[in-house]
Structure formats: C-alpha cells, structure tokens
Amino acid sequence: MILYDFKLEFGRLGDRLVIGDEITLDAMRVRENGTLRILDKDLYRKGADLETVRRSYEEFLRRITS
C-alpha cells in the first residue's frame, strides 16, 4: 500500500513518545501499490456505494493488522 497526504500527531506519555492521533482512512489517502487502486475515503467522494467503501475499509484494516 502507498500511504500519503496524512499527518501524525505525537505526544508524550511520561518519558515515552506516543502517537496522539488516530490512524484511519479518514486521515490519509491510500492506494494499492502497483495498481494505484483507491482504498480510502476518495471512493465515497467519487461516488462509490457504501458497500464498496465498507469492503475497502475492511481490507485496509485486515492488511495493516495482519
């Protein structure tokens, strides 16, 4: 996956540096490496139905957690 156009906010928890922002498809743009297939919120903006957007979000979650 290609992740771009996103921000990460950091903070401190004691002496540890932690991510202070959510990592979701609403906070970034994601494309499939090689095909550039859209996997993010742009699907909805470009008129995809909600089922297509849901499947894309589920695929993204599966891929970043596996």
N, C-alpha and C. Protein backbone atom coordinates (compact mmCIF):
# COMPACT_ATOMS: atom_id res chain seq x y z
N MET A 1 0.83 -1.17 0.00
CA MET A 1 0.00 0.00 0.00
C MET A 1 0.88 1.25 0.00
N ILE A 2 0.40 2.26 -0.65
CA ILE A 2 1.06 3.56 -0.65
C ILE A 2 0.23 4.49 0.22
N LEU A 3 0.83 5.00 1.28
CA LEU A 3 0.16 5.93 2.18
C LEU A 3 0.71 7.31 1.90
N TYR A 4 -0.18 8.30 1.75
CA TYR A 4 0.29 9.66 1.51
C TYR A 4 -0.76 10.66 1.96
N ASP A 5 -0.37 11.90 1.98
CA ASP A 5 -1.25 13.01 2.34
C ASP A 5 -1.91 12.76 3.70
N PHE A 6 -1.08 12.43 4.69
CA PHE A 6 -1.63 12.25 6.02
C PHE A 6 -0.69 12.82 7.06
N LYS A 7 -1.25 13.05 8.19
CA LYS A 7 -0.49 13.64 9.29
C LYS A 7 -0.50 12.68 10.47
N LEU A 8 0.51 12.78 11.27
CA LEU A 8 0.55 12.07 12.54
C LEU A 8 0.88 13.08 13.62
N GLU A 9 0.13 13.04 14.68
CA GLU A 9 0.40 13.91 15.82
C GLU A 9 0.99 13.05 16.92
N PHE A 10 2.00 13.58 17.57
CA PHE A 10 2.68 12.85 18.62
C PHE A 10 2.56 13.60 19.94
N GLY A 11 2.67 12.86 21.00
CA GLY A 11 2.67 13.45 22.33
C GLY A 11 3.56 12.64 23.24
N ARG A 12 3.64 13.03 24.47
CA ARG A 12 4.45 12.31 25.44
C ARG A 12 3.55 11.71 26.51
N LEU A 13 3.85 10.50 26.87
CA LEU A 13 3.20 9.82 27.98
C LEU A 13 4.32 9.42 28.92
N GLY A 14 4.54 10.27 29.93
CA GLY A 14 5.72 10.09 30.76
C GLY A 14 6.95 10.38 29.92
N ASP A 15 7.85 9.41 29.85
CA ASP A 15 9.06 9.59 29.04
C ASP A 15 8.95 8.92 27.67
N ARG A 16 7.76 8.42 27.34
CA ARG A 16 7.55 7.73 26.05
C ARG A 16 6.91 8.66 25.04
N LEU A 17 7.35 8.58 23.80
CA LEU A 17 6.75 9.29 22.68
C LEU A 17 5.64 8.40 22.13
N VAL A 18 4.43 8.91 22.03
CA VAL A 18 3.30 8.11 21.56
C VAL A 18 2.59 8.85 20.42
N ILE A 19 1.91 8.06 19.58
CA ILE A 19 1.08 8.65 18.54
C ILE A 19 -0.17 9.18 19.21
N GLY A 20 -0.48 10.44 18.97
CA GLY A 20 -1.64 11.07 19.59
C GLY A 20 -2.77 11.29 18.62
N ASP A 21 -2.80 10.57 17.54
CA ASP A 21 -3.82 10.76 16.52
C ASP A 21 -4.28 9.38 16.06
N GLU A 22 -5.48 9.32 15.55
CA GLU A 22 -5.96 8.05 15.02
C GLU A 22 -5.34 7.79 13.65
N ILE A 23 -5.16 6.54 13.34
CA ILE A 23 -4.67 6.15 12.02
C ILE A 23 -5.84 5.47 11.33
N THR A 24 -6.55 6.24 10.52
CA THR A 24 -7.73 5.74 9.82
C THR A 24 -7.68 6.20 8.37
N LEU A 25 -8.57 5.64 7.58
CA LEU A 25 -8.65 6.05 6.18
C LEU A 25 -9.21 7.45 6.02
N ASP A 26 -9.82 8.00 7.07
CA ASP A 26 -10.29 9.37 7.01
C ASP A 26 -9.16 10.37 7.20
N ALA A 27 -8.02 9.91 7.69
CA ALA A 27 -6.90 10.80 8.00
C ALA A 27 -5.77 10.71 6.97
N MET A 28 -5.97 9.92 5.91
CA MET A 28 -4.90 9.75 4.93
C MET A 28 -5.49 9.30 3.60
N ARG A 29 -4.65 9.25 2.62
CA ARG A 29 -5.02 8.66 1.33
C ARG A 29 -4.19 7.40 1.16
N VAL A 30 -4.82 6.38 0.58
CA VAL A 30 -4.17 5.08 0.43
C VAL A 30 -4.45 4.56 -0.97
N ARG A 31 -3.41 4.09 -1.62
CA ARG A 31 -3.54 3.46 -2.94
C ARG A 31 -2.87 2.09 -2.89
N GLU A 32 -3.37 1.21 -3.71
CA GLU A 32 -2.78 -0.12 -3.86
C GLU A 32 -1.47 0.03 -4.60
N ASN A 33 -0.41 -0.53 -4.05
CA ASN A 33 0.90 -0.47 -4.69
C ASN A 33 0.84 -1.21 -6.03
N GLY A 34 1.30 -0.59 -7.06
CA GLY A 34 1.32 -1.21 -8.38
C GLY A 34 0.13 -0.85 -9.24
N THR A 35 -1.08 -0.94 -8.70
CA THR A 35 -2.27 -0.66 -9.49
C THR A 35 -2.83 0.73 -9.22
N LEU A 36 -2.47 1.33 -8.09
CA LEU A 36 -2.97 2.62 -7.64
C LEU A 36 -4.48 2.62 -7.40
N ARG A 37 -5.05 1.42 -7.19
CA ARG A 37 -6.47 1.32 -6.86
C ARG A 37 -6.74 2.08 -5.56
N ILE A 38 -7.81 2.85 -5.53
CA ILE A 38 -8.15 3.67 -4.36
C ILE A 38 -8.64 2.77 -3.23
N LEU A 39 -8.10 2.99 -2.01
CA LEU A 39 -8.53 2.23 -0.84
C LEU A 39 -9.00 3.15 0.28
N ASP A 40 -9.26 4.41 0.01
CA ASP A 40 -9.55 5.35 1.09
C ASP A 40 -10.87 6.08 0.88
N LYS A 41 -11.05 7.17 1.62
CA LYS A 41 -12.29 7.94 1.60
C LYS A 41 -12.62 8.52 0.23
N ASP A 42 -11.66 8.59 -0.67
CA ASP A 42 -11.93 9.10 -2.02
C ASP A 42 -12.92 8.21 -2.77
N LEU A 43 -13.02 6.93 -2.38
CA LEU A 43 -14.02 6.06 -3.00
C LEU A 43 -15.41 6.67 -2.86
N TYR A 44 -15.73 7.09 -1.65
CA TYR A 44 -17.04 7.68 -1.38
C TYR A 44 -17.19 9.01 -2.10
N ARG A 45 -16.16 9.81 -2.07
CA ARG A 45 -16.20 11.11 -2.74
C ARG A 45 -16.40 10.97 -4.24
N LYS A 46 -15.90 9.88 -4.81
CA LYS A 46 -16.01 9.66 -6.25
C LYS A 46 -17.30 8.92 -6.62
N GLY A 47 -18.18 8.70 -5.62
CA GLY A 47 -19.49 8.15 -5.92
C GLY A 47 -19.66 6.66 -5.71
N ALA A 48 -18.70 5.99 -5.10
CA ALA A 48 -18.84 4.55 -4.85
C ALA A 48 -19.95 4.33 -3.83
N ASP A 49 -20.63 3.18 -3.95
CA ASP A 49 -21.68 2.88 -2.99
C ASP A 49 -21.07 2.51 -1.64
N LEU A 50 -21.86 2.57 -0.61
CA LEU A 50 -21.36 2.35 0.75
C LEU A 50 -20.80 0.95 0.95
N GLU A 51 -21.34 -0.04 0.27
CA GLU A 51 -20.83 -1.41 0.40
C GLU A 51 -19.40 -1.50 -0.12
N THR A 52 -19.10 -0.84 -1.22
CA THR A 52 -17.74 -0.81 -1.76
C THR A 52 -16.79 -0.13 -0.79
N VAL A 53 -17.22 0.98 -0.21
CA VAL A 53 -16.40 1.70 0.76
C VAL A 53 -16.17 0.83 1.99
N ARG A 54 -17.21 0.15 2.48
CA ARG A 54 -17.08 -0.73 3.65
C ARG A 54 -16.06 -1.84 3.38
N ARG A 55 -16.15 -2.48 2.22
CA ARG A 55 -15.20 -3.55 1.88
C ARG A 55 -13.77 -3.02 1.80
N SER A 56 -13.60 -1.82 1.27
CA SER A 56 -12.27 -1.23 1.18
C SER A 56 -11.70 -0.97 2.57
N TYR A 57 -12.52 -0.43 3.47
CA TYR A 57 -12.07 -0.17 4.84
C TYR A 57 -11.71 -1.48 5.55
N GLU A 58 -12.52 -2.52 5.34
CA GLU A 58 -12.23 -3.82 5.95
C GLU A 58 -10.92 -4.40 5.41
N GLU A 59 -10.69 -4.25 4.11
CA GLU A 59 -9.44 -4.73 3.52
C GLU A 59 -8.25 -3.98 4.10
N PHE A 60 -8.36 -2.68 4.21
CA PHE A 60 -7.28 -1.87 4.79
C PHE A 60 -6.98 -2.34 6.22
N LEU A 61 -8.02 -2.51 7.03
CA LEU A 61 -7.83 -2.96 8.41
C LEU A 61 -7.16 -4.32 8.45
N ARG A 62 -7.61 -5.25 7.62
CA ARG A 62 -7.01 -6.59 7.58
C ARG A 62 -5.52 -6.51 7.22
N ARG A 63 -5.20 -5.67 6.27
CA ARG A 63 -3.83 -5.62 5.79
C ARG A 63 -2.88 -4.95 6.79
N ILE A 64 -3.35 -3.95 7.53
CA ILE A 64 -2.44 -3.31 8.47
C ILE A 64 -2.35 -4.06 9.79
N THR A 65 -3.28 -4.97 10.05
CA THR A 65 -3.25 -5.70 11.31
C THR A 65 -2.77 -7.14 11.16
N SER A 66 -2.55 -7.59 9.94
CA SER A 66 -2.10 -8.98 9.77
C SER A 66 -0.60 -9.10 9.71
